[in-house]
Amino acid sequence: MEQTTDKALGLLGLARKAGKLQTGEETVSAMLAEKHARLTLLASDAGEAVARKIRGMAAGTRQGVLTVPYDKLRLGAALGRQVVSVAAFADVSMALAFVKTLPAESVPVELLEDLERRVARVKAKRQKA
């Protein structure tokens, strides 16, 4: 698990540095409202009010929400912050790469399949162009 954890958290840091991952409730809420969040992550110990708000904003859209097996401190450390309770990927390929580094039991099969379909569509569009 530790090697998987290191890889997953390292990928989060890489995505943030590349500008493909945003953090913070306000920023992520704006991404959800504009339908720019490809996958939203909630820390395992995120507050119930924050989790309810984020899930509510994502409901009925193609923007997935995943509670990750990391607490706010661990996510914060991986992302160069004190604490992070919510983050969102702006890039579906990075989101898929991250999800694939997590233990299989922590990712719903439907979410994984949806991300894989979306990445395949993006690749097909790029090949046509």
N, C-alpha and C. Protein backbone atom coordinates (compact mmCIF):
# COMPACT_ATOMS: atom_id res chain seq x y z
N MET A 1 0.82 -1.20 0.00
CA MET A 1 0.00 0.00 0.00
C MET A 1 0.86 1.25 0.00
N GLU A 2 1.99 1.24 0.70
CA GLU A 2 2.81 2.45 0.81
C GLU A 2 3.34 2.90 -0.55
N GLN A 3 3.78 1.96 -1.40
CA GLN A 3 4.27 2.34 -2.73
C GLN A 3 3.13 2.93 -3.55
N THR A 4 1.94 2.34 -3.48
CA THR A 4 0.77 2.87 -4.18
C THR A 4 0.46 4.26 -3.67
N THR A 5 0.48 4.44 -2.37
CA THR A 5 0.20 5.73 -1.77
C THR A 5 1.18 6.78 -2.25
N ASP A 6 2.46 6.45 -2.23
CA ASP A 6 3.47 7.40 -2.69
C ASP A 6 3.23 7.79 -4.14
N LYS A 7 2.90 6.83 -4.98
CA LYS A 7 2.68 7.11 -6.39
C LYS A 7 1.44 7.99 -6.57
N ALA A 8 0.36 7.66 -5.87
CA ALA A 8 -0.88 8.43 -5.98
C ALA A 8 -0.67 9.86 -5.50
N LEU A 9 -0.06 10.02 -4.35
CA LEU A 9 0.18 11.36 -3.82
C LEU A 9 1.16 12.13 -4.68
N GLY A 10 2.16 11.46 -5.21
CA GLY A 10 3.10 12.10 -6.12
C GLY A 10 2.41 12.61 -7.38
N LEU A 11 1.46 11.82 -7.88
CA LEU A 11 0.71 12.23 -9.06
C LEU A 11 -0.15 13.46 -8.77
N LEU A 12 -0.68 13.53 -7.57
CA LEU A 12 -1.45 14.73 -7.19
C LEU A 12 -0.57 15.97 -7.22
N GLY A 13 0.63 15.85 -6.66
CA GLY A 13 1.56 16.97 -6.67
C GLY A 13 1.94 17.38 -8.09
N LEU A 14 2.16 16.40 -8.93
CA LEU A 14 2.50 16.66 -10.33
C LEU A 14 1.34 17.37 -11.04
N ALA A 15 0.13 16.90 -10.82
CA ALA A 15 -1.05 17.51 -11.44
C ALA A 15 -1.22 18.96 -10.98
N ARG A 16 -0.98 19.22 -9.71
CA ARG A 16 -1.09 20.59 -9.20
C ARG A 16 -0.05 21.49 -9.86
N LYS A 17 1.19 21.02 -9.94
CA LYS A 17 2.25 21.82 -10.55
C LYS A 17 1.98 22.08 -12.03
N ALA A 18 1.31 21.15 -12.69
CA ALA A 18 0.97 21.30 -14.11
C ALA A 18 -0.28 22.16 -14.31
N GLY A 19 -0.92 22.57 -13.23
CA GLY A 19 -2.13 23.37 -13.33
C GLY A 19 -3.37 22.56 -13.66
N LYS A 20 -3.30 21.25 -13.46
CA LYS A 20 -4.41 20.35 -13.78
C LYS A 20 -5.22 19.96 -12.56
N LEU A 21 -4.84 20.47 -11.39
CA LEU A 21 -5.54 20.15 -10.14
C LEU A 21 -5.65 21.42 -9.32
N GLN A 22 -6.84 21.74 -8.90
CA GLN A 22 -7.09 22.92 -8.07
C GLN A 22 -7.56 22.47 -6.69
N THR A 23 -7.30 23.28 -5.69
CA THR A 23 -7.69 22.94 -4.33
C THR A 23 -8.52 24.06 -3.72
N GLY A 24 -9.22 23.73 -2.67
CA GLY A 24 -10.00 24.71 -1.92
C GLY A 24 -11.47 24.68 -2.29
N GLU A 25 -12.29 24.89 -1.30
CA GLU A 25 -13.73 24.81 -1.48
C GLU A 25 -14.26 25.83 -2.49
N GLU A 26 -13.82 27.06 -2.41
CA GLU A 26 -14.30 28.09 -3.34
C GLU A 26 -13.90 27.79 -4.78
N THR A 27 -12.64 27.46 -4.98
CA THR A 27 -12.14 27.18 -6.32
C THR A 27 -12.82 25.96 -6.92
N VAL A 28 -12.93 24.91 -6.14
CA VAL A 28 -13.57 23.68 -6.64
C VAL A 28 -15.05 23.92 -6.89
N SER A 29 -15.71 24.67 -6.03
CA SER A 29 -17.13 24.99 -6.25
C SER A 29 -17.31 25.73 -7.57
N ALA A 30 -16.42 26.67 -7.85
CA ALA A 30 -16.49 27.41 -9.12
C ALA A 30 -16.28 26.47 -10.30
N MET A 31 -15.32 25.55 -10.17
CA MET A 31 -15.09 24.57 -11.24
C MET A 31 -16.33 23.71 -11.47
N LEU A 32 -16.97 23.28 -10.40
CA LEU A 32 -18.18 22.47 -10.52
C LEU A 32 -19.30 23.26 -11.18
N ALA A 33 -19.47 24.51 -10.77
CA ALA A 33 -20.52 25.36 -11.33
C ALA A 33 -20.32 25.58 -12.82
N GLU A 34 -19.07 25.70 -13.24
CA GLU A 34 -18.75 25.93 -14.66
C GLU A 34 -18.58 24.62 -15.43
N LYS A 35 -18.77 23.50 -14.74
CA LYS A 35 -18.64 22.15 -15.32
C LYS A 35 -17.23 21.89 -15.86
N HIS A 36 -16.23 22.36 -15.13
CA HIS A 36 -14.83 22.16 -15.51
C HIS A 36 -14.14 21.09 -14.67
N ALA A 37 -14.79 20.62 -13.63
CA ALA A 37 -14.18 19.59 -12.78
C ALA A 37 -14.38 18.22 -13.43
N ARG A 38 -13.29 17.52 -13.68
CA ARG A 38 -13.40 16.20 -14.28
C ARG A 38 -13.54 15.12 -13.21
N LEU A 39 -12.93 15.36 -12.05
CA LEU A 39 -13.06 14.48 -10.89
C LEU A 39 -12.74 15.30 -9.65
N THR A 40 -13.64 15.28 -8.70
CA THR A 40 -13.44 16.01 -7.45
C THR A 40 -13.08 15.02 -6.36
N LEU A 41 -12.08 15.37 -5.59
CA LEU A 41 -11.59 14.52 -4.50
C LEU A 41 -11.97 15.13 -3.16
N LEU A 42 -12.46 14.30 -2.27
CA LEU A 42 -12.74 14.71 -0.89
C LEU A 42 -11.82 13.94 0.04
N ALA A 43 -11.22 14.65 0.98
CA ALA A 43 -10.40 13.98 1.99
C ALA A 43 -11.29 13.06 2.82
N SER A 44 -10.70 12.01 3.35
CA SER A 44 -11.47 11.05 4.14
C SER A 44 -12.10 11.68 5.38
N ASP A 45 -11.51 12.77 5.86
CA ASP A 45 -12.04 13.44 7.05
C ASP A 45 -12.60 14.84 6.72
N ALA A 46 -13.01 15.03 5.47
CA ALA A 46 -13.62 16.31 5.08
C ALA A 46 -14.91 16.51 5.88
N GLY A 47 -15.20 17.74 6.21
CA GLY A 47 -16.40 18.05 6.97
C GLY A 47 -17.66 17.65 6.22
N GLU A 48 -18.69 17.27 6.97
CA GLU A 48 -19.94 16.82 6.36
C GLU A 48 -20.59 17.93 5.53
N ALA A 49 -20.53 19.17 5.99
CA ALA A 49 -21.13 20.27 5.24
C ALA A 49 -20.43 20.47 3.90
N VAL A 50 -19.11 20.40 3.89
CA VAL A 50 -18.35 20.55 2.65
C VAL A 50 -18.67 19.40 1.71
N ALA A 51 -18.65 18.18 2.22
CA ALA A 51 -18.93 17.00 1.40
C ALA A 51 -20.33 17.08 0.81
N ARG A 52 -21.31 17.48 1.60
CA ARG A 52 -22.69 17.58 1.12
C ARG A 52 -22.79 18.64 0.01
N LYS A 53 -22.13 19.78 0.22
CA LYS A 53 -22.16 20.85 -0.78
C LYS A 53 -21.54 20.39 -2.10
N ILE A 54 -20.36 19.77 -2.03
CA ILE A 54 -19.66 19.32 -3.23
C ILE A 54 -20.46 18.24 -3.95
N ARG A 55 -20.96 17.28 -3.22
CA ARG A 55 -21.75 16.21 -3.84
C ARG A 55 -23.02 16.77 -4.47
N GLY A 56 -23.63 17.74 -3.80
CA GLY A 56 -24.84 18.37 -4.34
C GLY A 56 -24.57 19.11 -5.64
N MET A 57 -23.45 19.81 -5.70
CA MET A 57 -23.10 20.55 -6.92
C MET A 57 -22.78 19.61 -8.08
N ALA A 58 -22.21 18.45 -7.76
CA ALA A 58 -21.82 17.49 -8.80
C ALA A 58 -22.98 16.60 -9.23
N ALA A 59 -24.01 16.52 -8.40
CA ALA A 59 -25.15 15.64 -8.70
C ALA A 59 -25.80 16.03 -10.01
N GLY A 60 -26.10 15.03 -10.83
CA GLY A 60 -26.77 15.27 -12.09
C GLY A 60 -25.84 15.74 -13.20
N THR A 61 -24.54 15.78 -12.92
CA THR A 61 -23.57 16.16 -13.95
C THR A 61 -22.64 14.97 -14.18
N ARG A 62 -21.74 15.11 -15.11
CA ARG A 62 -20.76 14.05 -15.38
C ARG A 62 -19.50 14.26 -14.56
N GLN A 63 -19.59 15.08 -13.54
CA GLN A 63 -18.43 15.39 -12.72
C GLN A 63 -18.45 14.46 -11.50
N GLY A 64 -17.53 13.51 -11.48
CA GLY A 64 -17.49 12.53 -10.40
C GLY A 64 -16.91 13.11 -9.11
N VAL A 65 -17.29 12.51 -8.00
CA VAL A 65 -16.77 12.86 -6.69
C VAL A 65 -16.28 11.57 -6.04
N LEU A 66 -15.07 11.61 -5.51
CA LEU A 66 -14.47 10.43 -4.90
C LEU A 66 -13.88 10.80 -3.54
N THR A 67 -14.27 10.08 -2.52
CA THR A 67 -13.63 10.25 -1.21
C THR A 67 -12.37 9.38 -1.24
N VAL A 68 -11.23 10.03 -1.08
CA VAL A 68 -9.95 9.34 -1.18
C VAL A 68 -9.50 8.81 0.18
N PRO A 69 -8.63 7.81 0.20
CA PRO A 69 -8.19 7.23 1.47
C PRO A 69 -7.08 8.03 2.15
N TYR A 70 -7.14 9.35 2.04
CA TYR A 70 -6.15 10.23 2.68
C TYR A 70 -6.89 11.30 3.47
N ASP A 71 -6.35 11.64 4.62
CA ASP A 71 -6.97 12.71 5.40
C ASP A 71 -6.49 14.08 4.90
N LYS A 72 -7.05 15.15 5.48
CA LYS A 72 -6.74 16.51 5.05
C LYS A 72 -5.26 16.85 5.19
N LEU A 73 -4.63 16.36 6.24
CA LEU A 73 -3.20 16.64 6.45
C LEU A 73 -2.35 15.97 5.39
N ARG A 74 -2.67 14.72 5.08
CA ARG A 74 -1.89 13.98 4.08
C ARG A 74 -2.04 14.59 2.69
N LEU A 75 -3.28 14.97 2.33
CA LEU A 75 -3.50 15.63 1.05
C LEU A 75 -2.78 16.97 1.01
N GLY A 76 -2.87 17.70 2.10
CA GLY A 76 -2.20 18.99 2.17
C GLY A 76 -0.69 18.86 1.98
N ALA A 77 -0.10 17.89 2.64
CA ALA A 77 1.34 17.67 2.52
C ALA A 77 1.73 17.33 1.08
N ALA A 78 0.92 16.53 0.41
CA ALA A 78 1.21 16.14 -0.96
C ALA A 78 1.07 17.32 -1.93
N LEU A 79 0.26 18.30 -1.54
CA LEU A 79 -0.02 19.42 -2.42
C LEU A 79 0.64 20.73 -1.98
N GLY A 80 1.54 20.63 -1.01
CA GLY A 80 2.27 21.81 -0.57
C GLY A 80 1.45 22.79 0.23
N ARG A 81 0.47 22.31 0.94
CA ARG A 81 -0.41 23.16 1.77
C ARG A 81 -0.49 22.56 3.17
N GLN A 82 -1.06 23.33 4.08
CA GLN A 82 -1.27 22.82 5.44
C GLN A 82 -2.27 21.67 5.44
N VAL A 83 -3.49 21.99 4.96
CA VAL A 83 -4.55 20.98 4.87
C VAL A 83 -5.32 21.19 3.57
N VAL A 84 -5.81 20.10 3.01
CA VAL A 84 -6.66 20.17 1.82
C VAL A 84 -7.80 19.18 2.04
N SER A 85 -9.02 19.71 2.04
CA SER A 85 -10.17 18.81 2.21
C SER A 85 -10.85 18.51 0.89
N VAL A 86 -10.64 19.37 -0.12
CA VAL A 86 -11.27 19.16 -1.42
C VAL A 86 -10.33 19.64 -2.53
N ALA A 87 -10.29 18.86 -3.60
CA ALA A 87 -9.48 19.20 -4.77
C ALA A 87 -10.20 18.68 -6.00
N ALA A 88 -9.90 19.26 -7.15
CA ALA A 88 -10.56 18.81 -8.38
C ALA A 88 -9.59 18.81 -9.54
N PHE A 89 -9.66 17.75 -10.32
CA PHE A 89 -8.88 17.64 -11.54
C PHE A 89 -9.59 18.39 -12.65
N ALA A 90 -8.84 19.13 -13.44
CA ALA A 90 -9.37 19.81 -14.62
C ALA A 90 -9.07 19.00 -15.88
N ASP A 91 -8.37 17.91 -15.73
CA ASP A 91 -7.94 17.09 -16.86
C ASP A 91 -8.37 15.64 -16.62
N VAL A 92 -9.15 15.09 -17.54
CA VAL A 92 -9.69 13.75 -17.35
C VAL A 92 -8.60 12.68 -17.42
N SER A 93 -7.57 12.89 -18.23
CA SER A 93 -6.49 11.90 -18.32
C SER A 93 -5.71 11.82 -17.02
N MET A 94 -5.45 12.97 -16.42
CA MET A 94 -4.74 12.98 -15.12
C MET A 94 -5.62 12.35 -14.04
N ALA A 95 -6.92 12.62 -14.11
CA ALA A 95 -7.85 12.04 -13.14
C ALA A 95 -7.83 10.51 -13.24
N LEU A 96 -7.86 10.01 -14.46
CA LEU A 96 -7.82 8.55 -14.66
C LEU A 96 -6.50 7.97 -14.17
N ALA A 97 -5.41 8.62 -14.48
CA ALA A 97 -4.10 8.13 -14.03
C ALA A 97 -4.06 8.06 -12.51
N PHE A 98 -4.60 9.08 -11.84
CA PHE A 98 -4.64 9.09 -10.38
C PHE A 98 -5.49 7.94 -9.84
N VAL A 99 -6.68 7.78 -10.38
CA VAL A 99 -7.60 6.74 -9.91
C VAL A 99 -6.98 5.36 -10.06
N LYS A 100 -6.24 5.15 -11.14
CA LYS A 100 -5.61 3.85 -11.37
C LYS A 100 -4.49 3.55 -10.37
N THR A 101 -3.97 4.56 -9.69
CA THR A 101 -2.93 4.32 -8.69
C THR A 101 -3.51 3.98 -7.32
N LEU A 102 -4.80 4.19 -7.15
CA LEU A 102 -5.45 3.90 -5.87
C LEU A 102 -5.75 2.41 -5.75
N PRO A 103 -5.86 1.92 -4.51
CA PRO A 103 -6.29 0.53 -4.34
C PRO A 103 -7.66 0.32 -4.97
N ALA A 104 -7.84 -0.77 -5.68
CA ALA A 104 -9.07 -1.03 -6.43
C ALA A 104 -10.32 -0.93 -5.56
N GLU A 105 -10.22 -1.35 -4.32
CA GLU A 105 -11.41 -1.35 -3.45
C GLU A 105 -11.86 0.05 -3.06
N SER A 106 -11.02 1.07 -3.29
CA SER A 106 -11.41 2.43 -2.91
C SER A 106 -12.00 3.23 -4.08
N VAL A 107 -12.12 2.58 -5.26
CA VAL A 107 -12.65 3.26 -6.44
C VAL A 107 -13.86 2.50 -6.97
N PRO A 108 -15.02 3.15 -7.03
CA PRO A 108 -16.19 2.48 -7.62
C PRO A 108 -15.93 2.13 -9.08
N VAL A 109 -16.32 0.94 -9.48
CA VAL A 109 -16.09 0.47 -10.84
C VAL A 109 -16.73 1.41 -11.86
N GLU A 110 -17.92 1.93 -11.54
CA GLU A 110 -18.62 2.83 -12.46
C GLU A 110 -17.80 4.08 -12.73
N LEU A 111 -17.16 4.61 -11.71
CA LEU A 111 -16.33 5.81 -11.86
C LEU A 111 -15.13 5.52 -12.75
N LEU A 112 -14.47 4.42 -12.51
CA LEU A 112 -13.32 4.04 -13.33
C LEU A 112 -13.72 3.86 -14.79
N GLU A 113 -14.82 3.15 -15.03
CA GLU A 113 -15.28 2.93 -16.40
C GLU A 113 -15.66 4.23 -17.09
N ASP A 114 -16.31 5.15 -16.36
CA ASP A 114 -16.69 6.44 -16.93
C ASP A 114 -15.46 7.24 -17.32
N LEU A 115 -14.46 7.28 -16.45
CA LEU A 115 -13.23 8.01 -16.78
C LEU A 115 -12.53 7.39 -17.98
N GLU A 116 -12.50 6.07 -18.06
CA GLU A 116 -11.87 5.40 -19.20
C GLU A 116 -12.59 5.74 -20.51
N ARG A 117 -13.92 5.77 -20.49
CA ARG A 117 -14.69 6.13 -21.69
C ARG A 117 -14.40 7.58 -22.10
N ARG A 118 -14.35 8.46 -21.12
CA ARG A 118 -14.11 9.87 -21.42
C ARG A 118 -12.71 10.09 -21.99
N VAL A 119 -11.73 9.39 -21.46
CA VAL A 119 -10.37 9.52 -21.99
C VAL A 119 -10.32 8.97 -23.41
N ALA A 120 -10.99 7.87 -23.68
CA ALA A 120 -11.02 7.29 -25.03
C ALA A 120 -11.65 8.29 -26.02
N ARG A 121 -12.71 8.98 -25.60
CA ARG A 121 -13.33 9.98 -26.48
C ARG A 121 -12.38 11.14 -26.77
N VAL A 122 -11.66 11.59 -25.75
CA VAL A 122 -10.69 12.67 -25.95
C VAL A 122 -9.62 12.25 -26.94
N LYS A 123 -9.10 11.04 -26.78
CA LYS A 123 -8.07 10.53 -27.70
C LYS A 123 -8.61 10.41 -29.12
N ALA A 124 -9.84 9.96 -29.26
CA ALA A 124 -10.44 9.83 -30.60
C ALA A 124 -10.60 11.19 -31.26
N LYS A 125 -10.99 12.19 -30.50
CA LYS A 125 -11.11 13.54 -31.04
C LYS A 125 -9.78 14.07 -31.50
N ARG A 126 -8.73 13.82 -30.72
CA ARG A 126 -7.39 14.29 -31.08
C ARG A 126 -6.89 13.64 -32.37
N GLN A 127 -7.23 12.36 -32.55
CA GLN A 127 -6.80 11.66 -33.77
C GLN A 127 -7.50 12.19 -35.01
N LYS A 128 -8.74 12.63 -34.86
CA LYS A 128 -9.51 13.17 -35.99
C LYS A 128 -8.98 14.54 -36.40
N ALA A 129 -8.47 15.28 -35.44
CA ALA A 129 -8.03 16.66 -35.72
C ALA A 129 -6.73 16.73 -36.47
